[in-house]
Amino acid sequence: MGLASWPAIMSLPQPQPPLEHWPNVISLIMGNPDHLSKYKEPLYCYDELVTSTYFFTMVEPSITMVVIYQKKKAKNDQLTQEFMYIMSTNLRNWKIFSLLKPKP
């Protein structure tokens, strides 16, 4: 299983994913399945070697949203936490599915 087995669905602001970060991204996703599967706070990692901060949240079992900063960010960065919560919740469609659930 190579890097090509991990395609990016979307990459912003550049149209191409930051492939120089891909080994770190894949390693962190594969190494933290328990944390990611809980759908709680994002997984946080700062890599001093590349001076980059990574935030991860699982959208679906095979889709993980990753935010990469090319500088050090705090683990509890409120803007990032809120962005990831809002985006992942909307991508999961939890609100829509809860409206479709029959009322008791």
C-alpha atoms as a PDB file:
ATOM      1  CA  MET A   1       0.000   0.000   0.000  1.00  0.00           C
ATOM      2  CA  GLY A   2       1.693   3.186  -1.180  1.00  0.00           C
ATOM      3  CA  LEU A   3       0.986   6.885  -0.930  1.00  0.00           C
ATOM      4  CA  ALA A   4      -1.251   6.660  -4.018  1.00  0.00           C
ATOM      5  CA  SER A   5      -3.631   4.494  -1.953  1.00  0.00           C
ATOM      6  CA  TRP A   6      -4.433   7.593   0.103  1.00  0.00           C
ATOM      7  CA  PRO A   7      -5.977  10.093  -2.343  1.00  0.00           C
ATOM      8  CA  ALA A   8      -7.053  13.554  -1.283  1.00  0.00           C
ATOM      9  CA  ILE A   9     -10.703  14.329  -1.967  1.00  0.00           C
ATOM     10  CA  MET A  10     -10.094  18.056  -1.767  1.00  0.00           C
ATOM     11  CA  SER A  11      -7.113  20.285  -1.112  1.00  0.00           C
ATOM     12  CA  LEU A  12      -7.187  24.008  -0.340  1.00  0.00           C
ATOM     13  CA  PRO A  13      -5.787  26.572  -0.964  1.00  0.00           C
ATOM     14  CA  GLN A  14      -3.702  24.649  -3.521  1.00  0.00           C
ATOM     15  CA  PRO A  15      -5.459  22.263  -5.936  1.00  0.00           C
ATOM     16  CA  GLN A  16      -2.844  19.562  -5.271  1.00  0.00           C
ATOM     17  CA  PRO A  17      -2.442  17.974  -1.829  1.00  0.00           C
ATOM     18  CA  PRO A  18       0.748  18.772   0.085  1.00  0.00           C
ATOM     19  CA  LEU A  19       2.549  15.544  -0.769  1.00  0.00           C
ATOM     20  CA  GLU A  20       5.561  16.477   1.346  1.00  0.00           C
ATOM     21  CA  HIS A  21       3.271  15.967   4.373  1.00  0.00           C
ATOM     22  CA  TRP A  22       1.605  12.776   3.116  1.00  0.00           C
ATOM     23  CA  PRO A  23       3.885  10.298   4.951  1.00  0.00           C
ATOM     24  CA  ASN A  24       3.199  12.115   8.249  1.00  0.00           C
ATOM     25  CA  VAL A  25      -0.527  12.337   7.539  1.00  0.00           C
ATOM     26  CA  ILE A  26      -0.851   8.635   6.710  1.00  0.00           C
ATOM     27  CA  SER A  27       1.281   7.595   9.663  1.00  0.00           C
ATOM     28  CA  LEU A  28      -0.788   9.645  12.099  1.00  0.00           C
ATOM     29  CA  ILE A  29      -4.094   8.345  10.705  1.00  0.00           C
ATOM     30  CA  MET A  30      -2.943   4.726  10.812  1.00  0.00           C
ATOM     31  CA  GLY A  31      -1.374   5.110  14.252  1.00  0.00           C
ATOM     32  CA  ASN A  32      -4.413   6.635  15.972  1.00  0.00           C
ATOM     33  CA  PRO A  33      -7.556   4.761  14.891  1.00  0.00           C
ATOM     34  CA  ASP A  34      -9.007   4.632  18.419  1.00  0.00           C
ATOM     35  CA  HIS A  35      -8.747   8.390  18.947  1.00  0.00           C
ATOM     36  CA  LEU A  36     -10.126   9.223  15.497  1.00  0.00           C
ATOM     37  CA  SER A  37     -13.045   6.792  15.685  1.00  0.00           C
ATOM     38  CA  LYS A  38     -14.447   8.455  18.821  1.00  0.00           C
ATOM     39  CA  TYR A  39     -15.550  11.563  16.847  1.00  0.00           C
ATOM     40  CA  LYS A  40     -14.523  13.736  19.787  1.00  0.00           C
ATOM     41  CA  GLU A  41     -11.874  16.450  19.726  1.00  0.00           C
ATOM     42  CA  PRO A  42      -9.479  16.497  16.781  1.00  0.00           C
ATOM     43  CA  LEU A  43      -6.216  14.607  16.965  1.00  0.00           C
ATOM     44  CA  TYR A  44      -3.380  17.123  17.337  1.00  0.00           C
ATOM     45  CA  CYS A  45       0.269  16.741  16.399  1.00  0.00           C
ATOM     46  CA  TYR A  46       3.089  19.241  16.054  1.00  0.00           C
ATOM     47  CA  ASP A  47       6.121  18.023  14.090  1.00  0.00           C
ATOM     48  CA  GLU A  48       9.236  20.018  14.979  1.00  0.00           C
ATOM     49  CA  LEU A  49      11.193  18.500  12.092  1.00  0.00           C
ATOM     50  CA  VAL A  50       8.964  20.101   9.446  1.00  0.00           C
ATOM     51  CA  THR A  51       7.621  22.866  11.745  1.00  0.00           C
ATOM     52  CA  SER A  52       4.044  21.941  10.936  1.00  0.00           C
ATOM     53  CA  THR A  53       0.931  21.383  13.021  1.00  0.00           C
ATOM     54  CA  TYR A  54      -1.630  18.728  12.060  1.00  0.00           C
ATOM     55  CA  PHE A  55      -5.250  18.441  13.178  1.00  0.00           C
ATOM     56  CA  PHE A  56      -7.305  15.355  12.231  1.00  0.00           C
ATOM     57  CA  THR A  57     -10.940  14.416  12.600  1.00  0.00           C
ATOM     58  CA  MET A  58     -12.740  11.413  11.162  1.00  0.00           C
ATOM     59  CA  VAL A  59     -15.715  12.247   8.977  1.00  0.00           C
ATOM     60  CA  GLU A  60     -16.506   8.643   8.045  1.00  0.00           C
ATOM     61  CA  PRO A  61     -14.491   5.452   8.612  1.00  0.00           C
ATOM     62  CA  SER A  62     -12.665   5.918   5.304  1.00  0.00           C
ATOM     63  CA  ILE A  63     -12.591   9.748   5.259  1.00  0.00           C
ATOM     64  CA  THR A  64     -10.442  11.865   7.544  1.00  0.00           C
ATOM     65  CA  MET A  65     -10.330  15.643   7.434  1.00  0.00           C
ATOM     66  CA  VAL A  66      -6.841  17.056   7.949  1.00  0.00           C
ATOM     67  CA  VAL A  67      -5.868  20.666   8.578  1.00  0.00           C
ATOM     68  CA  ILE A  68      -2.163  21.467   8.219  1.00  0.00           C
ATOM     69  CA  TYR A  69      -0.499  24.648   9.450  1.00  0.00           C
ATOM     70  CA  GLN A  70       3.077  25.327   8.461  1.00  0.00           C
ATOM     71  CA  LYS A  71       3.796  26.753  11.894  1.00  0.00           C
ATOM     72  CA  LYS A  72       3.180  25.813  15.505  1.00  0.00           C
ATOM     73  CA  LYS A  73      -0.428  26.136  16.662  1.00  0.00           C
ATOM     74  CA  ALA A  74      -1.849  25.448  20.104  1.00  0.00           C
ATOM     75  CA  LYS A  75      -3.660  22.153  20.627  1.00  0.00           C
ATOM     76  CA  ASN A  76      -6.729  24.034  21.835  1.00  0.00           C
ATOM     77  CA  ASP A  77      -6.757  26.584  18.978  1.00  0.00           C
ATOM     78  CA  GLN A  78     -10.408  27.638  19.135  1.00  0.00           C
ATOM     79  CA  LEU A  79     -10.792  28.671  15.499  1.00  0.00           C
ATOM     80  CA  THR A  80      -9.442  25.341  14.233  1.00  0.00           C
ATOM     81  CA  GLN A  81     -11.475  23.331  16.747  1.00  0.00           C
ATOM     82  CA  GLU A  82     -14.706  25.097  15.787  1.00  0.00           C
ATOM     83  CA  PHE A  83     -14.007  24.876  12.053  1.00  0.00           C
ATOM     84  CA  MET A  84     -13.339  21.150  12.225  1.00  0.00           C
ATOM     85  CA  TYR A  85     -16.402  20.524  14.391  1.00  0.00           C
ATOM     86  CA  ILE A  86     -18.749  22.459  12.093  1.00  0.00           C
ATOM     87  CA  MET A  87     -17.328  20.985   8.875  1.00  0.00           C
ATOM     88  CA  SER A  88     -17.236  17.382  10.092  1.00  0.00           C
ATOM     89  CA  THR A  89     -20.736  17.598  11.569  1.00  0.00           C
ATOM     90  CA  ASN A  90     -22.122  18.962   8.300  1.00  0.00           C
ATOM     91  CA  LEU A  91     -20.256  16.381   6.216  1.00  0.00           C
ATOM     92  CA  ARG A  92     -21.630  13.575   8.395  1.00  0.00           C
ATOM     93  CA  ASN A  93     -25.199  14.906   7.893  1.00  0.00           C
ATOM     94  CA  TRP A  94     -26.061  14.101  11.505  1.00  0.00           C
ATOM     95  CA  LYS A  95     -28.553  16.963  11.746  1.00  0.00           C
ATOM     96  CA  ILE A  96     -30.384  15.882   8.600  1.00  0.00           C
ATOM     97  CA  PHE A  97     -30.499  12.235   9.671  1.00  0.00           C
ATOM     98  CA  SER A  98     -31.829  13.189  13.108  1.00  0.00           C
ATOM     99  CA  LEU A  99     -34.688  15.093  11.419  1.00  0.00           C
ATOM    100  CA  LEU A 100     -35.570  11.992   9.396  1.00  0.00           C
ATOM    101  CA  LYS A 101     -35.789   9.783  12.485  1.00  0.00           C
ATOM    102  CA  PRO A 102     -39.412   8.997  13.396  1.00  0.00           C
ATOM    103  CA  LYS A 103     -40.681  10.660  16.568  1.00  0.00           C
ATOM    104  CA  PRO A 104     -41.740   8.273  19.377  1.00  0.00           C
END
